[in-house]
Amino acid sequence: MKTIGRILLALVLTWPLLTGISSSPLLTHWFANGGEGWNALSPVFRALGSDGGEQNEEIFVGILLVISFVLALVLSFALFGLVDRLRHSTDRRA
């Protein structure tokens, strides 16, 4: 049951993390005006058979979603672990 809760929390946290990552000025600068970010991801685009343009953007958004979900999953496991640790430490004191 805890695993389902952790995954649900990760799903809820994915969108705020995606918003935070995508609004980062560093990310914007790296990808602005055909910057180095697109060159760095070009092997991924070629591996997925992208023709360029909108397909590259869709792949990029997918990559950001995966990164956001993984970060949210790590965060949810950490939060659940912290709550369990705090709960057990207060049980021992009582």
PDB file of N, CA and C in Angstrom:
ATOM      1  N   MET A   1       0.820  -1.198   0.000  1.00  0.00           N
ATOM      2  CA  MET A   1       0.000   0.000   0.000  1.00  0.00           C
ATOM      3  C   MET A   1       0.862   1.260   0.000  1.00  0.00           C
ATOM      4  N   LYS A   2       2.017   1.179   0.701  1.00  0.00           N
ATOM      5  CA  LYS A   2       2.899   2.338   0.734  1.00  0.00           C
ATOM      6  C   LYS A   2       3.448   2.651  -0.648  1.00  0.00           C
ATOM      7  N   THR A   3       3.719   1.608  -1.425  1.00  0.00           N
ATOM      8  CA  THR A   3       4.265   1.820  -2.765  1.00  0.00           C
ATOM      9  C   THR A   3       3.270   2.560  -3.642  1.00  0.00           C
ATOM     10  N   ILE A   4       2.004   2.199  -3.537  1.00  0.00           N
ATOM     11  CA  ILE A   4       0.974   2.885  -4.322  1.00  0.00           C
ATOM     12  C   ILE A   4       0.890   4.344  -3.903  1.00  0.00           C
ATOM     13  N   GLY A   5       0.958   4.601  -2.612  1.00  0.00           N
ATOM     14  CA  GLY A   5       0.942   5.981  -2.122  1.00  0.00           C
ATOM     15  C   GLY A   5       2.128   6.776  -2.623  1.00  0.00           C
ATOM     16  N   ARG A   6       3.288   6.143  -2.647  1.00  0.00           N
ATOM     17  CA  ARG A   6       4.489   6.828  -3.133  1.00  0.00           C
ATOM     18  C   ARG A   6       4.380   7.153  -4.614  1.00  0.00           C
ATOM     19  N   ILE A   7       3.849   6.215  -5.386  1.00  0.00           N
ATOM     20  CA  ILE A   7       3.694   6.451  -6.825  1.00  0.00           C
ATOM     21  C   ILE A   7       2.650   7.530  -7.073  1.00  0.00           C
ATOM     22  N   LEU A   8       1.546   7.503  -6.331  1.00  0.00           N
ATOM     23  CA  LEU A   8       0.526   8.547  -6.491  1.00  0.00           C
ATOM     24  C   LEU A   8       1.077   9.920  -6.126  1.00  0.00           C
ATOM     25  N   LEU A   9       1.847   9.999  -5.050  1.00  0.00           N
ATOM     26  CA  LEU A   9       2.470  11.266  -4.682  1.00  0.00           C
ATOM     27  C   LEU A   9       3.432  11.721  -5.770  1.00  0.00           C
ATOM     28  N   ALA A  10       4.174  10.791  -6.351  1.00  0.00           N
ATOM     29  CA  ALA A  10       5.096  11.135  -7.431  1.00  0.00           C
ATOM     30  C   ALA A  10       4.340  11.661  -8.646  1.00  0.00           C
ATOM     31  N   LEU A  11       3.197  11.053  -8.952  1.00  0.00           N
ATOM     32  CA  LEU A  11       2.395  11.542 -10.078  1.00  0.00           C
ATOM     33  C   LEU A  11       1.882  12.953  -9.824  1.00  0.00           C
ATOM     34  N   VAL A  12       1.484  13.224  -8.590  1.00  0.00           N
ATOM     35  CA  VAL A  12       0.997  14.566  -8.246  1.00  0.00           C
ATOM     36  C   VAL A  12       2.133  15.583  -8.310  1.00  0.00           C
ATOM     37  N   LEU A  13       3.320  15.187  -7.876  1.00  0.00           N
ATOM     38  CA  LEU A  13       4.457  16.112  -7.851  1.00  0.00           C
ATOM     39  C   LEU A  13       5.121  16.301  -9.216  1.00  0.00           C
ATOM     40  N   THR A  14       4.799  15.452 -10.180  1.00  0.00           N
ATOM     41  CA  THR A  14       5.452  15.535 -11.489  1.00  0.00           C
ATOM     42  C   THR A  14       5.180  16.865 -12.173  1.00  0.00           C
ATOM     43  N   TRP A  15       3.937  17.325 -12.165  1.00  0.00           N
ATOM     44  CA  TRP A  15       3.608  18.569 -12.877  1.00  0.00           C
ATOM     45  C   TRP A  15       4.270  19.798 -12.265  1.00  0.00           C
ATOM     46  N   PRO A  16       4.257  19.969 -10.935  1.00  0.00           N
ATOM     47  CA  PRO A  16       4.986  21.118 -10.386  1.00  0.00           C
ATOM     48  C   PRO A  16       6.486  21.061 -10.680  1.00  0.00           C
ATOM     49  N   LEU A  17       7.063  19.869 -10.619  1.00  0.00           N
ATOM     50  CA  LEU A  17       8.483  19.750 -10.939  1.00  0.00           C
ATOM     51  C   LEU A  17       8.742  20.055 -12.412  1.00  0.00           C
ATOM     52  N   LEU A  18       7.854  19.592 -13.290  1.00  0.00           N
ATOM     53  CA  LEU A  18       7.994  19.892 -14.718  1.00  0.00           C
ATOM     54  C   LEU A  18       7.932  21.392 -14.957  1.00  0.00           C
ATOM     55  N   THR A  19       7.016  22.062 -14.276  1.00  0.00           N
ATOM     56  CA  THR A  19       6.900  23.511 -14.409  1.00  0.00           C
ATOM     57  C   THR A  19       8.166  24.201 -13.923  1.00  0.00           C
ATOM     58  N   GLY A  20       8.687  23.752 -12.806  1.00  0.00           N
ATOM     59  CA  GLY A  20       9.912  24.347 -12.276  1.00  0.00           C
ATOM     60  C   GLY A  20      11.110  24.117 -13.171  1.00  0.00           C
ATOM     61  N   ILE A  21      11.239  22.904 -13.686  1.00  0.00           N
ATOM     62  CA  ILE A  21      12.377  22.602 -14.559  1.00  0.00           C
ATOM     63  C   ILE A  21      12.274  23.376 -15.865  1.00  0.00           C
ATOM     64  N   SER A  22      11.087  23.389 -16.464  1.00  0.00           N
ATOM     65  CA  SER A  22      10.949  24.035 -17.772  1.00  0.00           C
ATOM     66  C   SER A  22      11.020  25.553 -17.691  1.00  0.00           C
ATOM     67  N   SER A  23      10.775  26.132 -16.518  1.00  0.00           N
ATOM     68  CA  SER A  23      10.869  27.588 -16.399  1.00  0.00           C
ATOM     69  C   SER A  23      12.248  28.041 -15.929  1.00  0.00           C
ATOM     70  N   SER A  24      13.166  27.104 -15.816  1.00  0.00           N
ATOM     71  CA  SER A  24      14.523  27.432 -15.389  1.00  0.00           C
ATOM     72  C   SER A  24      15.218  28.300 -16.437  1.00  0.00           C
ATOM     73  N   PRO A  25      15.804  29.427 -16.029  1.00  0.00           N
ATOM     74  CA  PRO A  25      16.512  30.278 -16.994  1.00  0.00           C
ATOM     75  C   PRO A  25      17.708  29.570 -17.635  1.00  0.00           C
ATOM     76  N   LEU A  26      18.336  28.666 -16.902  1.00  0.00           N
ATOM     77  CA  LEU A  26      19.468  27.935 -17.473  1.00  0.00           C
ATOM     78  C   LEU A  26      19.028  27.036 -18.621  1.00  0.00           C
ATOM     79  N   LEU A  27      17.902  26.362 -18.442  1.00  0.00           N
ATOM     80  CA  LEU A  27      17.386  25.496 -19.494  1.00  0.00           C
ATOM     81  C   LEU A  27      16.957  26.319 -20.701  1.00  0.00           C
ATOM     82  N   THR A  28      16.311  27.443 -20.444  1.00  0.00           N
ATOM     83  CA  THR A  28      15.886  28.322 -21.529  1.00  0.00           C
ATOM     84  C   THR A  28      17.086  28.827 -22.314  1.00  0.00           C
ATOM     85  N   HIS A  29      18.129  29.234 -21.611  1.00  0.00           N
ATOM     86  CA  HIS A  29      19.333  29.735 -22.280  1.00  0.00           C
ATOM     87  C   HIS A  29      20.017  28.628 -23.083  1.00  0.00           C
ATOM     88  N   TRP A  30      20.024  27.409 -22.535  1.00  0.00           N
ATOM     89  CA  TRP A  30      20.709  26.308 -23.186  1.00  0.00           C
ATOM     90  C   TRP A  30      20.024  25.895 -24.488  1.00  0.00           C
ATOM     91  N   PHE A  31      18.688  26.047 -24.548  1.00  0.00           N
ATOM     92  CA  PHE A  31      17.945  25.639 -25.732  1.00  0.00           C
ATOM     93  C   PHE A  31      17.512  26.805 -26.618  1.00  0.00           C
ATOM     94  N   ALA A  32      17.766  28.045 -26.208  1.00  0.00           N
ATOM     95  CA  ALA A  32      17.297  29.208 -26.965  1.00  0.00           C
ATOM     96  C   ALA A  32      18.040  29.327 -28.293  1.00  0.00           C
ATOM     97  N   ASN A  33      17.284  29.677 -29.313  1.00  0.00           N
ATOM     98  CA  ASN A  33      17.829  29.978 -30.641  1.00  0.00           C
ATOM     99  C   ASN A  33      18.740  28.873 -31.173  1.00  0.00           C
ATOM    100  N   GLY A  34      18.295  27.651 -31.079  1.00  0.00           N
ATOM    101  CA  GLY A  34      19.074  26.532 -31.604  1.00  0.00           C
ATOM    102  C   GLY A  34      20.363  26.296 -30.861  1.00  0.00           C
ATOM    103  N   GLY A  35      20.345  26.508 -29.562  1.00  0.00           N
ATOM    104  CA  GLY A  35      21.553  26.409 -28.746  1.00  0.00           C
ATOM    105  C   GLY A  35      22.090  24.998 -28.612  1.00  0.00           C
ATOM    106  N   GLU A  36      23.046  24.866 -27.730  1.00  0.00           N
ATOM    107  CA  GLU A  36      23.751  23.608 -27.529  1.00  0.00           C
ATOM    108  C   GLU A  36      22.854  22.488 -27.012  1.00  0.00           C
ATOM    109  N   GLY A  37      21.757  22.835 -26.376  1.00  0.00           N
ATOM    110  CA  GLY A  37      20.861  21.806 -25.853  1.00  0.00           C
ATOM    111  C   GLY A  37      20.311  20.911 -26.949  1.00  0.00           C
ATOM    112  N   TRP A  38      19.939  21.516 -28.069  1.00  0.00           N
ATOM    113  CA  TRP A  38      19.415  20.734 -29.189  1.00  0.00           C
ATOM    114  C   TRP A  38      20.511  19.843 -29.762  1.00  0.00           C
ATOM    115  N   ASN A  39      21.743  20.353 -29.822  1.00  0.00           N
ATOM    116  CA  ASN A  39      22.859  19.541 -30.315  1.00  0.00           C
ATOM    117  C   ASN A  39      23.151  18.380 -29.368  1.00  0.00           C
ATOM    118  N   ALA A  40      23.028  18.623 -28.072  1.00  0.00           N
ATOM    119  CA  ALA A  40      23.286  17.565 -27.090  1.00  0.00           C
ATOM    120  C   ALA A  40      22.244  16.453 -27.181  1.00  0.00           C
ATOM    121  N   LEU A  41      21.017  16.809 -27.521  1.00  0.00           N
ATOM    122  CA  LEU A  41      19.945  15.814 -27.609  1.00  0.00           C
ATOM    123  C   LEU A  41      19.796  15.210 -29.006  1.00  0.00           C
ATOM    124  N   SER A  42      20.579  15.667 -29.962  1.00  0.00           N
ATOM    125  CA  SER A  42      20.434  15.169 -31.333  1.00  0.00           C
ATOM    126  C   SER A  42      20.626  13.654 -31.451  1.00  0.00           C
ATOM    127  N   PRO A  43      21.523  13.006 -30.690  1.00  0.00           N
ATOM    128  CA  PRO A  43      21.585  11.538 -30.778  1.00  0.00           C
ATOM    129  C   PRO A  43      20.276  10.861 -30.348  1.00  0.00           C
ATOM    130  N   VAL A  44      19.613  11.434 -29.354  1.00  0.00           N
ATOM    131  CA  VAL A  44      18.322  10.885 -28.914  1.00  0.00           C
ATOM    132  C   VAL A  44      17.290  11.062 -30.018  1.00  0.00           C
ATOM    133  N   PHE A  45      17.280  12.241 -30.651  1.00  0.00           N
ATOM    134  CA  PHE A  45      16.326  12.487 -31.728  1.00  0.00           C
ATOM    135  C   PHE A  45      16.553  11.519 -32.890  1.00  0.00           C
ATOM    136  N   ARG A  46      17.816  11.306 -33.246  1.00  0.00           N
ATOM    137  CA  ARG A  46      18.123  10.373 -34.342  1.00  0.00           C
ATOM    138  C   ARG A  46      17.730   8.951 -33.967  1.00  0.00           C
ATOM    139  N   ALA A  47      18.000   8.556 -32.720  1.00  0.00           N
ATOM    140  CA  ALA A  47      17.670   7.195 -32.277  1.00  0.00           C
ATOM    141  C   ALA A  47      16.168   6.942 -32.308  1.00  0.00           C
ATOM    142  N   LEU A  48      15.389   7.989 -32.058  1.00  0.00           N
ATOM    143  CA  LEU A  48      13.932   7.844 -32.066  1.00  0.00           C
ATOM    144  C   LEU A  48      13.322   8.139 -33.432  1.00  0.00           C
ATOM    145  N   GLY A  49      14.156   8.423 -34.424  1.00  0.00           N
ATOM    146  CA  GLY A  49      13.676   8.627 -35.788  1.00  0.00           C
ATOM    147  C   GLY A  49      12.951   9.931 -36.001  1.00  0.00           C
ATOM    148  N   SER A  50      13.349  10.965 -35.303  1.00  0.00           N
ATOM    149  CA  SER A  50      12.689  12.259 -35.436  1.00  0.00           C
ATOM    150  C   SER A  50      13.099  12.939 -36.738  1.00  0.00           C
ATOM    151  N   ASP A  51      12.121  13.591 -37.372  1.00  0.00           N
ATOM    152  CA  ASP A  51      12.384  14.338 -38.599  1.00  0.00           C
ATOM    153  C   ASP A  51      12.700  15.791 -38.319  1.00  0.00           C
ATOM    154  N   GLY A  52      12.649  16.192 -37.064  1.00  0.00           N
ATOM    155  CA  GLY A  52      12.941  17.579 -36.696  1.00  0.00           C
ATOM    156  C   GLY A  52      11.673  18.348 -36.393  1.00  0.00           C
ATOM    157  N   GLY A  53      11.846  19.606 -36.051  1.00  0.00           N
ATOM    158  CA  GLY A  53      10.720  20.497 -35.782  1.00  0.00           C
ATOM    159  C   GLY A  53       9.903  20.070 -34.583  1.00  0.00           C
ATOM    160  N   GLU A  54       8.610  19.883 -34.827  1.00  0.00           N
ATOM    161  CA  GLU A  54       7.692  19.566 -33.736  1.00  0.00           C
ATOM    162  C   GLU A  54       7.980  18.205 -33.112  1.00  0.00           C
ATOM    163  N   GLN A  55       8.477  17.265 -33.889  1.00  0.00           N
ATOM    164  CA  GLN A  55       8.801  15.957 -33.310  1.00  0.00           C
ATOM    165  C   GLN A  55       9.904  16.088 -32.269  1.00  0.00           C
ATOM    166  N   ASN A  56      10.892  16.940 -32.543  1.00  0.00           N
ATOM    167  CA  ASN A  56      11.949  17.171 -31.557  1.00  0.00           C
ATOM    168  C   ASN A  56      11.379  17.762 -30.281  1.00  0.00           C
ATOM    169  N   GLU A  57      10.443  18.691 -30.426  1.00  0.00           N
ATOM    170  CA  GLU A  57       9.837  19.318 -29.249  1.00  0.00           C
ATOM    171  C   GLU A  57       9.031  18.309 -28.443  1.00  0.00           C
ATOM    172  N   GLU A  58       8.320  17.416 -29.129  1.00  0.00           N
ATOM    173  CA  GLU A  58       7.544  16.399 -28.421  1.00  0.00           C
ATOM    174  C   GLU A  58       8.463  15.437 -27.667  1.00  0.00           C
ATOM    175  N   ILE A  59       9.565  15.067 -28.288  1.00  0.00           N
ATOM    176  CA  ILE A  59      10.534  14.200 -27.612  1.00  0.00           C
ATOM    177  C   ILE A  59      11.132  14.926 -26.418  1.00  0.00           C
ATOM    178  N   PHE A  60      11.434  16.204 -26.589  1.00  0.00           N
ATOM    179  CA  PHE A  60      12.009  17.004 -25.508  1.00  0.00           C
ATOM    180  C   PHE A  60      11.046  17.093 -24.322  1.00  0.00           C
ATOM    181  N   VAL A  61       9.775  17.317 -24.593  1.00  0.00           N
ATOM    182  CA  VAL A  61       8.773  17.369 -23.518  1.00  0.00           C
ATOM    183  C   VAL A  61       8.658  15.999 -22.844  1.00  0.00           C
ATOM    184  N   GLY A  62       8.716  14.939 -23.625  1.00  0.00           N
ATOM    185  CA  GLY A  62       8.687  13.598 -23.049  1.00  0.00           C
ATOM    186  C   GLY A  62       9.873  13.338 -22.135  1.00  0.00           C
ATOM    187  N   ILE A  63      11.051  13.794 -22.557  1.00  0.00           N
ATOM    188  CA  ILE A  63      12.245  13.646 -21.725  1.00  0.00           C
ATOM    189  C   ILE A  63      12.079  14.430 -20.429  1.00  0.00           C
ATOM    190  N   LEU A  64      11.556  15.652 -20.531  1.00  0.00           N
ATOM    191  CA  LEU A  64      11.333  16.459 -19.328  1.00  0.00           C
ATOM    192  C   LEU A  64      10.324  15.800 -18.394  1.00  0.00           C
ATOM    193  N   LEU A  65       9.282  15.189 -18.963  1.00  0.00           N
ATOM    194  CA  LEU A  65       8.296  14.492 -18.131  1.00  0.00           C
ATOM    195  C   LEU A  65       8.918  13.301 -17.409  1.00  0.00           C
ATOM    196  N   VAL A  66       9.739  12.544 -18.100  1.00  0.00           N
ATOM    197  CA  VAL A  66      10.390  11.391 -17.472  1.00  0.00           C
ATOM    198  C   VAL A  66      11.322  11.851 -16.355  1.00  0.00           C
ATOM    199  N   ILE A  67      12.112  12.890 -16.625  1.00  0.00           N
ATOM    200  CA  ILE A  67      13.019  13.422 -15.601  1.00  0.00           C
ATOM    201  C   ILE A  67      12.221  13.926 -14.403  1.00  0.00           C
ATOM    202  N   SER A  68      11.124  14.639 -14.661  1.00  0.00           N
ATOM    203  CA  SER A  68      10.295  15.161 -13.575  1.00  0.00           C
ATOM    204  C   SER A  68       9.691  14.032 -12.755  1.00  0.00           C
ATOM    205  N   PHE A  69       9.228  12.977 -13.424  1.00  0.00           N
ATOM    206  CA  PHE A  69       8.637  11.855 -12.691  1.00  0.00           C
ATOM    207  C   PHE A  69       9.678  11.135 -11.847  1.00  0.00           C
ATOM    208  N   VAL A  70      10.871  10.931 -12.396  1.00  0.00           N
ATOM    209  CA  VAL A  70      11.922  10.254 -11.625  1.00  0.00           C
ATOM    210  C   VAL A  70      12.299  11.082 -10.401  1.00  0.00           C
ATOM    211  N   LEU A  71      12.447  12.396 -10.582  1.00  0.00           N
ATOM    212  CA  LEU A  71      12.743  13.265  -9.438  1.00  0.00           C
ATOM    213  C   LEU A  71      11.612  13.238  -8.416  1.00  0.00           C
ATOM    214  N   ALA A  72      10.367  13.254  -8.894  1.00  0.00           N
ATOM    215  CA  ALA A  72       9.221  13.207  -7.988  1.00  0.00           C
ATOM    216  C   ALA A  72       9.165  11.873  -7.252  1.00  0.00           C
ATOM    217  N   LEU A  73       9.522  10.794  -7.924  1.00  0.00           N
ATOM    218  CA  LEU A  73       9.532   9.484  -7.277  1.00  0.00           C
ATOM    219  C   LEU A  73      10.597   9.420  -6.185  1.00  0.00           C
ATOM    220  N   VAL A  74      11.773   9.949  -6.477  1.00  0.00           N
ATOM    221  CA  VAL A  74      12.830  10.000  -5.459  1.00  0.00           C
ATOM    222  C   VAL A  74      12.379  10.853  -4.281  1.00  0.00           C
ATOM    223  N   LEU A  75      11.767  11.997  -4.575  1.00  0.00           N
ATOM    224  CA  LEU A  75      11.284  12.884  -3.523  1.00  0.00           C
ATOM    225  C   LEU A  75      10.190  12.219  -2.694  1.00  0.00           C
ATOM    226  N   SER A  76       9.283  11.505  -3.341  1.00  0.00           N
ATOM    227  CA  SER A  76       8.204  10.854  -2.588  1.00  0.00           C
ATOM    228  C   SER A  76       8.744   9.737  -1.697  1.00  0.00           C
ATOM    229  N   PHE A  77       9.720   8.975  -2.178  1.00  0.00           N
ATOM    230  CA  PHE A  77      10.322   7.944  -1.327  1.00  0.00           C
ATOM    231  C   PHE A  77      11.037   8.584  -0.149  1.00  0.00           C
ATOM    232  N   ALA A  78      11.720   9.707  -0.398  1.00  0.00           N
ATOM    233  CA  ALA A  78      12.411  10.401   0.691  1.00  0.00           C
ATOM    234  C   ALA A  78      11.416  10.948   1.710  1.00  0.00           C
ATOM    235  N   LEU A  79      10.313  11.521   1.237  1.00  0.00           N
ATOM    236  CA  LEU A  79       9.307  12.065   2.153  1.00  0.00           C
ATOM    237  C   LEU A  79       8.652  10.966   2.983  1.00  0.00           C
ATOM    238  N   PHE A  80       8.306   9.863   2.349  1.00  0.00           N
ATOM    239  CA  PHE A  80       7.715   8.753   3.095  1.00  0.00           C
ATOM    240  C   PHE A  80       8.704   8.196   4.110  1.00  0.00           C
ATOM    241  N   GLY A  81       9.973   8.097   3.726  1.00  0.00           N
ATOM    242  CA  GLY A  81      10.989   7.623   4.662  1.00  0.00           C
ATOM    243  C   GLY A  81      11.151   8.556   5.841  1.00  0.00           C
ATOM    244  N   LEU A  82      11.114   9.860   5.579  1.00  0.00           N
ATOM    245  CA  LEU A  82      11.228  10.847   6.650  1.00  0.00           C
ATOM    246  C   LEU A  82      10.033  10.771   7.594  1.00  0.00           C
ATOM    247  N   VAL A  83       8.849  10.640   7.039  1.00  0.00           N
ATOM    248  CA  VAL A  83       7.645  10.531   7.868  1.00  0.00           C
ATOM    249  C   VAL A  83       7.702   9.261   8.714  1.00  0.00           C
ATOM    250  N   ASP A  84       8.110   8.144   8.123  1.00  0.00           N
ATOM    251  CA  ASP A  84       8.235   6.898   8.898  1.00  0.00           C
ATOM    252  C   ASP A  84       9.256   7.035  10.015  1.00  0.00           C
ATOM    253  N   ARG A  85      10.378   7.661   9.706  1.00  0.00           N
ATOM    254  CA  ARG A  85      11.421   7.836  10.721  1.00  0.00           C
ATOM    255  C   ARG A  85      10.924   8.726  11.854  1.00  0.00           C
ATOM    256  N   LEU A  86      10.232   9.810  11.511  1.00  0.00           N
ATOM    257  CA  LEU A  86       9.699  10.697  12.547  1.00  0.00           C
ATOM    258  C   LEU A  86       8.626   9.997  13.376  1.00  0.00           C
ATOM    259  N   ARG A  87       7.799   9.215  12.719  1.00  0.00           N
ATOM    260  CA  ARG A  87       6.742   8.501  13.429  1.00  0.00           C
ATOM    261  C   ARG A  87       7.335   7.480  14.397  1.00  0.00           C
ATOM    262  N   HIS A  88       8.353   6.755  13.955  1.00  0.00           N
ATOM    263  CA  HIS A  88       8.973   5.751  14.831  1.00  0.00           C
ATOM    264  C   HIS A  88       9.744   6.398  15.973  1.00  0.00           C
ATOM    265  N   SER A  89      10.343   7.546  15.727  1.00  0.00           N
ATOM    266  CA  SER A  89      11.086   8.202  16.814  1.00  0.00           C
ATOM    267  C   SER A  89      10.136   8.764  17.869  1.00  0.00           C
ATOM    268  N   THR A  90       8.951   9.232  17.468  1.00  0.00           N
ATOM    269  CA  THR A  90       7.988   9.721  18.457  1.00  0.00           C
ATOM    270  C   THR A  90       7.335   8.560  19.199  1.00  0.00           C
ATOM    271  N   ASP A  91       7.200   7.395  18.550  1.00  0.00           N
ATOM    272  CA  ASP A  91       6.647   6.215  19.226  1.00  0.00           C
ATOM    273  C   ASP A  91       7.592   5.717  20.309  1.00  0.00           C
ATOM    274  N   ARG A  92       8.873   5.804  20.073  1.00  0.00           N
ATOM    275  CA  ARG A  92       9.852   5.329  21.055  1.00  0.00           C
ATOM    276  C   ARG A  92       9.888   6.233  22.279  1.00  0.00           C
ATOM    277  N   ARG A  93       9.659   7.514  22.076  1.00  0.00           N
ATOM    278  CA  ARG A  93       9.687   8.463  23.196  1.00  0.00           C
ATOM    279  C   ARG A  93       8.479   8.296  24.105  1.00  0.00           C
ATOM    280  N   ALA A  94       7.354   7.919  23.525  1.00  0.00           N
ATOM    281  CA  ALA A  94       6.119   7.835  24.312  1.00  0.00           C
ATOM    282  C   ALA A  94       6.023   6.618  25.182  1.00  0.00           C
TER     283      ALA A  94
END
